[in-house]
Each structure stands twice: as C-alpha cells, then as structure tokens.
N, C-alpha and C. Protein backbone atom coordinates (compact mmCIF):
# COMPACT_ATOMS: atom_id res chain seq x y z
N MET A 1 -83.58 -60.63 63.73
CA MET A 1 -83.44 -59.51 62.81
C MET A 1 -82.19 -58.71 63.19
N PHE A 2 -81.60 -58.14 62.18
CA PHE A 2 -80.42 -57.30 62.35
C PHE A 2 -80.65 -56.00 61.59
N PHE A 3 -79.96 -54.97 62.01
CA PHE A 3 -80.15 -53.65 61.43
C PHE A 3 -78.82 -53.02 61.06
N ALA A 4 -78.81 -52.32 59.94
CA ALA A 4 -77.76 -51.37 59.62
C ALA A 4 -78.39 -50.02 59.91
N TYR A 5 -77.63 -49.12 60.51
CA TYR A 5 -78.24 -47.86 60.91
C TYR A 5 -77.30 -46.68 60.71
N ILE A 6 -77.89 -45.50 60.66
CA ILE A 6 -77.15 -44.24 60.60
C ILE A 6 -77.69 -43.37 61.72
N LEU A 7 -76.78 -42.88 62.55
CA LEU A 7 -77.12 -41.93 63.59
C LEU A 7 -76.64 -40.56 63.18
N LYS A 8 -77.37 -39.55 63.60
CA LYS A 8 -76.97 -38.16 63.33
C LYS A 8 -76.76 -37.45 64.66
N SER A 9 -75.63 -36.78 64.77
CA SER A 9 -75.34 -36.01 65.97
C SER A 9 -76.07 -34.68 65.92
N LEU A 10 -76.81 -34.36 66.97
CA LEU A 10 -77.47 -33.06 67.04
C LEU A 10 -76.47 -31.98 67.45
N LYS A 11 -75.33 -32.40 67.93
CA LYS A 11 -74.29 -31.45 68.36
C LYS A 11 -73.51 -30.90 67.17
N ASP A 12 -73.06 -31.77 66.27
CA ASP A 12 -72.22 -31.30 65.17
C ASP A 12 -72.75 -31.67 63.77
N GLY A 13 -73.90 -32.36 63.71
CA GLY A 13 -74.51 -32.70 62.43
C GLY A 13 -73.85 -33.84 61.68
N LYS A 14 -72.83 -34.47 62.27
CA LYS A 14 -72.13 -35.56 61.59
C LYS A 14 -72.87 -36.88 61.79
N TYR A 15 -72.52 -37.86 60.96
CA TYR A 15 -73.19 -39.14 60.96
C TYR A 15 -72.28 -40.25 61.48
N TYR A 16 -72.91 -41.28 62.04
CA TYR A 16 -72.23 -42.48 62.50
C TYR A 16 -72.96 -43.66 61.90
N TYR A 17 -72.22 -44.65 61.38
CA TYR A 17 -72.80 -45.80 60.73
C TYR A 17 -72.51 -47.05 61.55
N GLY A 18 -73.49 -47.92 61.72
CA GLY A 18 -73.28 -49.12 62.50
C GLY A 18 -74.27 -50.21 62.15
N SER A 19 -74.14 -51.33 62.87
CA SER A 19 -75.08 -52.44 62.72
C SER A 19 -75.28 -53.08 64.09
N THR A 20 -76.45 -53.67 64.29
CA THR A 20 -76.81 -54.23 65.60
C THR A 20 -77.98 -55.18 65.46
N ASP A 21 -78.25 -55.91 66.54
CA ASP A 21 -79.45 -56.75 66.55
C ASP A 21 -80.57 -56.12 67.37
N ASN A 22 -80.27 -55.03 68.08
CA ASN A 22 -81.28 -54.32 68.86
C ASN A 22 -81.05 -52.82 68.73
N ILE A 23 -81.76 -52.22 67.81
CA ILE A 23 -81.49 -50.83 67.46
C ILE A 23 -81.85 -49.84 68.57
N ILE A 24 -82.91 -50.10 69.31
CA ILE A 24 -83.30 -49.19 70.39
C ILE A 24 -82.26 -49.20 71.50
N ASP A 25 -81.85 -50.39 71.93
CA ASP A 25 -80.83 -50.47 72.98
C ASP A 25 -79.51 -49.86 72.52
N ARG A 26 -79.17 -50.03 71.25
CA ARG A 26 -77.92 -49.49 70.74
C ARG A 26 -77.95 -47.97 70.73
N LEU A 27 -79.07 -47.38 70.36
CA LEU A 27 -79.19 -45.91 70.38
C LEU A 27 -79.05 -45.39 71.82
N ILE A 28 -79.68 -46.05 72.75
CA ILE A 28 -79.57 -45.67 74.16
C ILE A 28 -78.11 -45.77 74.62
N TYR A 29 -77.43 -46.85 74.25
CA TYR A 29 -76.03 -47.06 74.60
C TYR A 29 -75.15 -45.93 74.06
N HIS A 30 -75.39 -45.53 72.81
CA HIS A 30 -74.65 -44.41 72.23
C HIS A 30 -74.91 -43.13 73.02
N ASN A 31 -76.16 -42.86 73.33
CA ASN A 31 -76.50 -41.61 74.02
C ASN A 31 -76.09 -41.60 75.49
N LYS A 32 -75.77 -42.75 76.05
CA LYS A 32 -75.21 -42.80 77.41
C LYS A 32 -73.70 -42.59 77.39
N ARG A 33 -73.18 -42.28 76.20
CA ARG A 33 -71.76 -41.95 76.01
C ARG A 33 -70.85 -43.15 76.28
N LYS A 34 -71.30 -44.35 75.96
CA LYS A 34 -70.53 -45.56 76.19
C LYS A 34 -69.80 -46.05 74.94
N VAL A 35 -69.94 -45.33 73.83
CA VAL A 35 -69.25 -45.69 72.59
C VAL A 35 -68.19 -44.62 72.33
N LYS A 36 -66.94 -45.04 72.32
CA LYS A 36 -65.82 -44.11 72.22
C LYS A 36 -65.95 -43.13 71.05
N SER A 37 -66.33 -43.64 69.88
CA SER A 37 -66.35 -42.78 68.69
C SER A 37 -67.50 -41.78 68.66
N THR A 38 -68.51 -41.95 69.52
CA THR A 38 -69.63 -40.99 69.51
C THR A 38 -69.82 -40.27 70.84
N LYS A 39 -69.03 -40.59 71.86
CA LYS A 39 -69.30 -40.04 73.19
C LYS A 39 -69.22 -38.51 73.25
N SER A 40 -68.41 -37.89 72.41
CA SER A 40 -68.30 -36.43 72.43
C SER A 40 -69.30 -35.77 71.50
N ARG A 41 -70.13 -36.57 70.81
CA ARG A 41 -71.05 -36.04 69.81
C ARG A 41 -72.52 -36.18 70.20
N THR A 42 -72.80 -36.54 71.44
CA THR A 42 -74.19 -36.71 71.87
C THR A 42 -74.86 -35.34 72.02
N PRO A 43 -76.17 -35.28 71.87
CA PRO A 43 -77.12 -36.37 71.64
C PRO A 43 -77.14 -36.80 70.18
N LEU A 44 -77.53 -38.06 70.00
CA LEU A 44 -77.65 -38.66 68.67
C LEU A 44 -79.09 -39.09 68.43
N ILE A 45 -79.52 -38.98 67.19
CA ILE A 45 -80.85 -39.45 66.80
C ILE A 45 -80.70 -40.49 65.70
N LEU A 46 -81.68 -41.36 65.60
CA LEU A 46 -81.68 -42.35 64.53
C LEU A 46 -82.10 -41.66 63.24
N HIS A 47 -81.19 -41.59 62.29
CA HIS A 47 -81.44 -40.92 61.02
C HIS A 47 -82.04 -41.89 59.99
N TYR A 48 -81.55 -43.16 60.02
CA TYR A 48 -81.99 -44.16 59.04
C TYR A 48 -81.68 -45.54 59.59
N SER A 49 -82.54 -46.50 59.28
CA SER A 49 -82.25 -47.90 59.61
C SER A 49 -82.85 -48.80 58.54
N GLU A 50 -82.21 -49.96 58.39
CA GLU A 50 -82.65 -50.94 57.42
C GLU A 50 -82.56 -52.32 58.06
N LYS A 51 -83.59 -53.14 57.89
CA LYS A 51 -83.69 -54.45 58.53
C LYS A 51 -83.16 -55.55 57.62
N PHE A 52 -82.46 -56.53 58.23
CA PHE A 52 -81.90 -57.66 57.49
C PHE A 52 -82.15 -58.95 58.25
N GLU A 53 -82.12 -60.05 57.52
CA GLU A 53 -82.30 -61.37 58.11
C GLU A 53 -81.05 -61.86 58.83
N THR A 54 -79.87 -61.50 58.33
CA THR A 54 -78.63 -62.00 58.92
C THR A 54 -77.70 -60.85 59.31
N ARG A 55 -76.80 -61.15 60.26
CA ARG A 55 -75.81 -60.17 60.68
C ARG A 55 -74.89 -59.81 59.51
N ALA A 56 -74.53 -60.80 58.71
CA ALA A 56 -73.63 -60.57 57.57
C ALA A 56 -74.22 -59.54 56.60
N GLU A 57 -75.52 -59.63 56.35
CA GLU A 57 -76.16 -58.66 55.44
C GLU A 57 -76.14 -57.26 56.04
N ALA A 58 -76.39 -57.15 57.35
CA ALA A 58 -76.40 -55.84 58.01
C ALA A 58 -75.00 -55.23 58.00
N VAL A 59 -73.99 -56.04 58.26
CA VAL A 59 -72.61 -55.54 58.25
C VAL A 59 -72.20 -55.12 56.84
N LYS A 60 -72.64 -55.86 55.85
CA LYS A 60 -72.35 -55.50 54.46
C LYS A 60 -72.93 -54.13 54.12
N GLN A 61 -74.16 -53.88 54.57
CA GLN A 61 -74.79 -52.58 54.32
C GLN A 61 -74.09 -51.48 55.10
N GLU A 62 -73.69 -51.77 56.33
CA GLU A 62 -72.94 -50.79 57.13
C GLU A 62 -71.66 -50.38 56.40
N ARG A 63 -70.96 -51.36 55.87
CA ARG A 63 -69.71 -51.07 55.13
C ARG A 63 -70.00 -50.27 53.87
N PHE A 64 -71.13 -50.52 53.23
CA PHE A 64 -71.52 -49.74 52.06
C PHE A 64 -71.72 -48.28 52.44
N PHE A 65 -72.38 -48.03 53.59
CA PHE A 65 -72.60 -46.67 54.07
C PHE A 65 -71.26 -45.95 54.26
N LYS A 66 -70.31 -46.66 54.85
CA LYS A 66 -69.01 -46.06 55.16
C LYS A 66 -68.24 -45.79 53.89
C-alpha cells in the first residue's frame, strides 16, 4: 500500500504534501526534523491521508494536492 498525505504544521499552520509507503514512519521522520522542507515547521500532524495500490497513483494524488 502507498499513501498520499497532507501534514499540517502546528507552528505556522501551513501544509506539506507528500507520498510514502509507510505513513507512520514518515510522520516520525518529519517530526525528527530530518526533512529539509519541514524541519523549521515542526511539530507536524497528519491532516489527511489517502491509500493507493501503487506508488504511481499515490504520487499522482500528491501532485494533484500541490
């Protein structure tokens, strides 16, 4: 399974859009400040996620969000 997701920063209220095969680990990775584009915006919460069968479908949805 793959996911397209939206994270919300509790610091500035802005959103981040992404895709992954492990949504829990990815959220933890973001909140450990290991992602350059979100490291100054932690803490982040999962605002929305959608499940897909393939990575291509998840990436397509991520691009739609953006």
